[in-house]
Every structure is written in structure tokens, then in C-alpha cells.
């Protein structure tokens, strides 16, 4: 069914989620009362080597190693995302590691940690939230992390070189 040699492409249909309530070694699909395509990776689920497409909102409660281009990513307190994400809004309570472009807003909650190459249009970091790596401002709605030099020159650009 799935080959370890090739990344898998996931295309969640509206009202689809991966549930951790399934028997050991399996993943079940459960309905979520919403019209948007939402993928929930439960706390005991490990999703590795995937490219996630056509997903409006990704909620990470377990471990996801993937690439995603979406509207929203939410990493729960015990969730971990490793990979590349290009999203409109990123809300991080857990840990994000890799390349993150938040085209509109990046929110790092008090328990959140973001490490890697981070681009954002607007940012909100609660006391206790952590950023590690290359952190730069981009124009709102920018794609592929294009840096807004005027914002960087105005002091909105940060270069964090903190040890993790």
C-alpha cells in the first residue's frame, strides 16, 4: 500500500480526520462537523514522509514529518511537526522544527517552540514562547518566504541564533 521509498500525498476530504482511537497499528477516519477540509493527527499517531495537500486546517496532536501548504496549522501542546509548512496562520503550542512561512500570522503560545527557518507577516509570541533559528518578516500573503526588505530594514526582522 505505502512504500517507504516515496513520500505519500494525503488529500483529506471535507470532514475527515485521523483518529487515535482505532485499534493498535491502524488509523481510523472519523467525521468532524465542519465544511472545511480538516486533518487531525491524534496524540498517538506518527505520520511520516507525507505531502499534505488540499487541507484547510491541520491539527497536530501527535508527530507529523511532512510538507504542507495550507490555510492553518495548529500544533497542540504535545504535538510535534518536523518539515516544511507554508500557511496563512500558524498557531504553535507544541514544537515546530523546519521551515515555516506564516503568510499572515504566526502565534507562538507560552508552551510553544519554533526552530528553523521562520518567515512571518505578523507575529505574536506569548511570554515563554521560543523562536530559534533564522527569523525574518515577509510581506503579508507572501509565498515561498520572500523577504520584505523594507520590513527587515525597519527592525521587524530578527536573527535568532540561540542554541536549542
C-alpha atoms as a PDB file:
ATOM      1  CA  UNK A   1       0.000   0.000   0.000  1.00  0.00           C
ATOM      2  CA  UNK A   2       2.546   2.670   1.094  1.00  0.00           C
ATOM      3  CA  UNK A   3       6.151   2.495   0.011  1.00  0.00           C
ATOM      4  CA  UNK A   4       8.903   3.786   2.286  1.00  0.00           C
ATOM      5  CA  UNK A   5      10.847   4.975  -0.767  1.00  0.00           C
ATOM      6  CA  UNK A   6       8.291   7.574  -1.882  1.00  0.00           C
ATOM      7  CA  UNK A   7       6.556  10.285   0.148  1.00  0.00           C
ATOM      8  CA  UNK A   8       2.805   9.834   0.207  1.00  0.00           C
ATOM      9  CA  UNK A   9       0.341  12.516  -0.799  1.00  0.00           C
ATOM     10  CA  UNK A  10      -2.630  12.948   1.507  1.00  0.00           C
ATOM     11  CA  UNK A  11      -5.749  14.681   0.260  1.00  0.00           C
ATOM     12  CA  UNK A  12      -8.209  14.880   3.130  1.00  0.00           C
ATOM     13  CA  UNK A  13     -11.808  15.106   2.110  1.00  0.00           C
ATOM     14  CA  UNK A  14     -14.094  17.512   3.918  1.00  0.00           C
ATOM     15  CA  UNK A  15     -14.952  16.237   7.393  1.00  0.00           C
ATOM     16  CA  UNK A  16     -12.079  13.721   7.566  1.00  0.00           C
ATOM     17  CA  UNK A  17      -9.656  13.142  10.438  1.00  0.00           C
ATOM     18  CA  UNK A  18      -7.178  10.528  11.595  1.00  0.00           C
ATOM     19  CA  UNK A  19      -8.226   9.127  14.946  1.00  0.00           C
ATOM     20  CA  UNK A  20      -6.014   7.614  17.595  1.00  0.00           C
ATOM     21  CA  UNK A  21      -8.996   5.654  18.933  1.00  0.00           C
ATOM     22  CA  UNK A  22      -8.504   2.950  16.293  1.00  0.00           C
ATOM     23  CA  UNK A  23      -7.039  -0.457  17.156  1.00  0.00           C
ATOM     24  CA  UNK A  24      -3.251  -0.618  17.527  1.00  0.00           C
ATOM     25  CA  UNK A  25      -1.395  -0.267  14.234  1.00  0.00           C
ATOM     26  CA  UNK A  26      -4.358   1.191  12.325  1.00  0.00           C
ATOM     27  CA  UNK A  27      -5.766   4.641  11.711  1.00  0.00           C
ATOM     28  CA  UNK A  28      -9.482   5.297  11.529  1.00  0.00           C
ATOM     29  CA  UNK A  29     -11.310   8.085   9.768  1.00  0.00           C
ATOM     30  CA  UNK A  30     -13.897   9.978  11.781  1.00  0.00           C
ATOM     31  CA  UNK A  31     -16.318  12.732  10.854  1.00  0.00           C
ATOM     32  CA  UNK A  32     -15.759  16.249  12.101  1.00  0.00           C
ATOM     33  CA  UNK A  33     -18.702  18.647  11.928  1.00  0.00           C
ATOM     34  CA  UNK A  34     -17.194  21.282   9.620  1.00  0.00           C
ATOM     35  CA  UNK A  35     -17.437  22.176   5.959  1.00  0.00           C
ATOM     36  CA  UNK A  36     -13.682  22.751   5.594  1.00  0.00           C
ATOM     37  CA  UNK A  37     -11.134  20.023   4.900  1.00  0.00           C
ATOM     38  CA  UNK A  38      -9.577  19.394   8.316  1.00  0.00           C
ATOM     39  CA  UNK A  39      -6.986  16.762   9.175  1.00  0.00           C
ATOM     40  CA  UNK A  40      -6.443  15.882  12.839  1.00  0.00           C
ATOM     41  CA  UNK A  41      -3.396  13.765  13.661  1.00  0.00           C
ATOM     42  CA  UNK A  42      -4.193  12.306  17.078  1.00  0.00           C
ATOM     43  CA  UNK A  43      -1.813  12.097  20.037  1.00  0.00           C
ATOM     44  CA  UNK A  44      -0.697   8.507  19.387  1.00  0.00           C
ATOM     45  CA  UNK A  45      -0.333   8.882  15.604  1.00  0.00           C
ATOM     46  CA  UNK A  46       3.016   9.270  13.812  1.00  0.00           C
ATOM     47  CA  UNK A  47       2.663  10.494  10.217  1.00  0.00           C
ATOM     48  CA  UNK A  48       5.996  10.450   8.381  1.00  0.00           C
ATOM     49  CA  UNK A  49       7.114  11.199   4.835  1.00  0.00           C
ATOM     50  CA  UNK A  50       3.895  12.811   3.643  1.00  0.00           C
ATOM     51  CA  UNK A  51       2.956  15.724   1.426  1.00  0.00           C
ATOM     52  CA  UNK A  52      -0.349  17.051   2.697  1.00  0.00           C
ATOM     53  CA  UNK A  53      -2.483  18.747   0.044  1.00  0.00           C
ATOM     54  CA  UNK A  54      -5.964  20.259  -0.103  1.00  0.00           C
ATOM     55  CA  UNK A  55      -6.131  20.539   3.665  1.00  0.00           C
ATOM     56  CA  UNK A  56      -7.704  23.693   5.057  1.00  0.00           C
ATOM     57  CA  UNK A  57      -6.618  23.068   8.663  1.00  0.00           C
ATOM     58  CA  UNK A  58      -4.018  20.626  10.011  1.00  0.00           C
ATOM     59  CA  UNK A  59      -4.185  19.916  13.736  1.00  0.00           C
ATOM     60  CA  UNK A  60      -1.122  18.115  15.082  1.00  0.00           C
ATOM     61  CA  UNK A  61      -1.534  16.320  18.401  1.00  0.00           C
ATOM     62  CA  UNK A  62       0.988  13.557  17.612  1.00  0.00           C
ATOM     63  CA  UNK A  63       4.070  13.580  15.354  1.00  0.00           C
ATOM     64  CA  UNK A  64       3.975  14.765  11.736  1.00  0.00           C
ATOM     65  CA  UNK A  65       7.001  14.764   9.439  1.00  0.00           C
ATOM     66  CA  UNK A  66       5.694  16.296   6.232  1.00  0.00           C
ATOM     67  CA  UNK A  67       5.378  19.134   3.783  1.00  0.00           C
ATOM     68  CA  UNK A  68       2.177  21.163   3.813  1.00  0.00           C
ATOM     69  CA  UNK A  69       0.721  24.163   2.009  1.00  0.00           C
ATOM     70  CA  UNK A  70      -2.480  25.029   3.813  1.00  0.00           C
ATOM     71  CA  UNK A  71      -4.565  27.776   5.348  1.00  0.00           C
ATOM     72  CA  UNK A  72      -3.988  26.901   9.040  1.00  0.00           C
ATOM     73  CA  UNK A  73      -1.666  24.673  11.051  1.00  0.00           C
ATOM     74  CA  UNK A  74      -2.185  24.176  14.771  1.00  0.00           C
ATOM     75  CA  UNK A  75       0.421  22.238  16.734  1.00  0.00           C
ATOM     76  CA  UNK A  76      -1.046  21.158  20.087  1.00  0.00           C
ATOM     77  CA  UNK A  77       0.909  21.273  23.355  1.00  0.00           C
ATOM     78  CA  UNK A  78       2.158  17.673  22.986  1.00  0.00           C
ATOM     79  CA  UNK A  79       2.276  17.802  19.177  1.00  0.00           C
ATOM     80  CA  UNK A  80       5.389  17.914  17.013  1.00  0.00           C
ATOM     81  CA  UNK A  81       5.716  18.976  13.383  1.00  0.00           C
ATOM     82  CA  UNK A  82       9.003  18.417  11.543  1.00  0.00           C
ATOM     83  CA  UNK A  83       9.255  19.570   7.946  1.00  0.00           C
ATOM     84  CA  UNK A  84       8.097  22.420   5.757  1.00  0.00           C
ATOM     85  CA  UNK A  85       4.882  24.394   6.176  1.00  0.00           C
ATOM     86  CA  UNK A  86       3.595  27.300   4.150  1.00  0.00           C
ATOM     87  CA  UNK A  87       0.369  28.512   5.746  1.00  0.00           C
ATOM     88  CA  UNK A  88      -1.726  31.617   6.259  1.00  0.00           C
ATOM     89  CA  UNK A  89      -1.900  31.152  10.040  1.00  0.00           C
ATOM     90  CA  UNK A  90       0.331  29.059  12.311  1.00  0.00           C
ATOM     91  CA  UNK A  91      -0.573  28.513  15.968  1.00  0.00           C
ATOM     92  CA  UNK A  92       2.091  26.692  17.948  1.00  0.00           C
ATOM     93  CA  UNK A  93       1.520  25.307  21.464  1.00  0.00           C
ATOM     94  CA  UNK A  94       3.927  22.370  20.948  1.00  0.00           C
ATOM     95  CA  UNK A  95       7.078  22.075  18.818  1.00  0.00           C
ATOM     96  CA  UNK A  96       7.646  23.029  15.172  1.00  0.00           C
ATOM     97  CA  UNK A  97      11.001  22.248  13.579  1.00  0.00           C
ATOM     98  CA  UNK A  98      11.941  23.037   9.974  1.00  0.00           C
ATOM     99  CA  UNK A  99      10.906  25.738   7.515  1.00  0.00           C
ATOM    100  CA  UNK A 100       7.797  27.742   8.397  1.00  0.00           C
ATOM    101  CA  UNK A 101       6.228  30.508   6.341  1.00  0.00           C
ATOM    102  CA  UNK A 102       3.221  32.154   8.004  1.00  0.00           C
ATOM    103  CA  UNK A 103       1.824  34.343   5.222  1.00  0.00           C
ATOM    104  CA  UNK A 104      -0.474  36.259   7.587  1.00  0.00           C
ATOM    105  CA  UNK A 105       0.139  35.425  11.275  1.00  0.00           C
ATOM    106  CA  UNK A 106       2.417  33.308  13.449  1.00  0.00           C
ATOM    107  CA  UNK A 107       1.295  32.771  17.042  1.00  0.00           C
ATOM    108  CA  UNK A 108       3.716  31.086  19.444  1.00  0.00           C
ATOM    109  CA  UNK A 109       1.975  30.307  22.716  1.00  0.00           C
ATOM    110  CA  UNK A 110       3.786  30.159  26.076  1.00  0.00           C
ATOM    111  CA  UNK A 111       4.471  26.413  25.715  1.00  0.00           C
ATOM    112  CA  UNK A 112       5.416  26.688  22.018  1.00  0.00           C
ATOM    113  CA  UNK A 113       8.821  26.238  20.428  1.00  0.00           C
ATOM    114  CA  UNK A 114       9.624  27.047  16.802  1.00  0.00           C
ATOM    115  CA  UNK A 115      13.053  26.217  15.395  1.00  0.00           C
ATOM    116  CA  UNK A 116      14.470  26.550  11.903  1.00  0.00           C
ATOM    117  CA  UNK A 117      13.887  28.983   9.064  1.00  0.00           C
ATOM    118  CA  UNK A 118      10.912  31.128  10.074  1.00  0.00           C
ATOM    119  CA  UNK A 119       9.177  33.723   7.904  1.00  0.00           C
ATOM    120  CA  UNK A 120       6.113  35.641   9.040  1.00  0.00           C
ATOM    121  CA  UNK A 121       3.971  38.630   8.058  1.00  0.00           C
ATOM    122  CA  UNK A 122       2.810  39.306  11.632  1.00  0.00           C
ATOM    123  CA  UNK A 123       3.938  37.595  14.811  1.00  0.00           C
ATOM    124  CA  UNK A 124       2.640  37.205  18.345  1.00  0.00           C
ATOM    125  CA  UNK A 125       4.809  35.430  20.927  1.00  0.00           C
ATOM    126  CA  UNK A 126       3.471  34.851  24.424  1.00  0.00           C
ATOM    127  CA  UNK A 127       5.867  35.066  27.349  1.00  0.00           C
ATOM    128  CA  UNK A 128       7.672  31.726  27.485  1.00  0.00           C
ATOM    129  CA  UNK A 129       7.246  31.016  23.745  1.00  0.00           C
ATOM    130  CA  UNK A 130      10.533  30.315  21.949  1.00  0.00           C
ATOM    131  CA  UNK A 131      11.960  31.038  18.496  1.00  0.00           C
ATOM    132  CA  UNK A 132      15.289  29.549  17.394  1.00  0.00           C
ATOM    133  CA  UNK A 133      16.999  29.992  14.031  1.00  0.00           C
ATOM    134  CA  UNK A 134      16.625  32.427  11.137  1.00  0.00           C
ATOM    135  CA  UNK A 135      13.568  34.588  11.787  1.00  0.00           C
ATOM    136  CA  UNK A 136      12.505  37.153   9.184  1.00  0.00           C
ATOM    137  CA  UNK A 137       9.493  39.289   8.334  1.00  0.00           C
ATOM    138  CA  UNK A 138       7.762  38.876   4.947  1.00  0.00           C
ATOM    139  CA  UNK A 139       5.038  40.808   3.200  1.00  0.00           C
ATOM    140  CA  UNK A 140       1.523  39.724   4.184  1.00  0.00           C
ATOM    141  CA  UNK A 141       0.434  36.943   1.836  1.00  0.00           C
ATOM    142  CA  UNK A 142       3.975  36.324   0.547  1.00  0.00           C
ATOM    143  CA  UNK A 143       4.640  32.917  -0.921  1.00  0.00           C
ATOM    144  CA  UNK A 144       7.839  30.866  -0.570  1.00  0.00           C
ATOM    145  CA  UNK A 145       9.217  33.068   2.209  1.00  0.00           C
ATOM    146  CA  UNK A 146      10.208  36.049   0.061  1.00  0.00           C
ATOM    147  CA  UNK A 147      11.719  38.533   2.482  1.00  0.00           C
ATOM    148  CA  UNK A 148      10.229  42.026   2.724  1.00  0.00           C
ATOM    149  CA  UNK A 149      13.422  44.091   2.886  1.00  0.00           C
ATOM    150  CA  UNK A 150      11.630  47.276   3.948  1.00  0.00           C
ATOM    151  CA  UNK A 151      10.187  45.490   6.982  1.00  0.00           C
ATOM    152  CA  UNK A 152      13.584  43.984   7.742  1.00  0.00           C
ATOM    153  CA  UNK A 153      15.223  47.399   7.489  1.00  0.00           C
ATOM    154  CA  UNK A 154      12.562  48.840   9.789  1.00  0.00           C
ATOM    155  CA  UNK A 155      13.666  46.469  12.515  1.00  0.00           C
ATOM    156  CA  UNK A 156      10.934  43.836  12.139  1.00  0.00           C
ATOM    157  CA  UNK A 157      13.476  41.235  11.095  1.00  0.00           C
ATOM    158  CA  UNK A 158      15.051  39.109  13.782  1.00  0.00           C
ATOM    159  CA  UNK A 159      18.108  36.914  13.558  1.00  0.00           C
ATOM    160  CA  UNK A 160      17.897  34.442  16.407  1.00  0.00           C
ATOM    161  CA  UNK A 161      20.932  32.275  16.879  1.00  0.00           C
ATOM    162  CA  UNK A 162      20.017  30.760  20.197  1.00  0.00           C
ATOM    163  CA  UNK A 163      21.210  27.247  20.961  1.00  0.00           C
ATOM    164  CA  UNK A 164      18.378  24.686  21.107  1.00  0.00           C
END
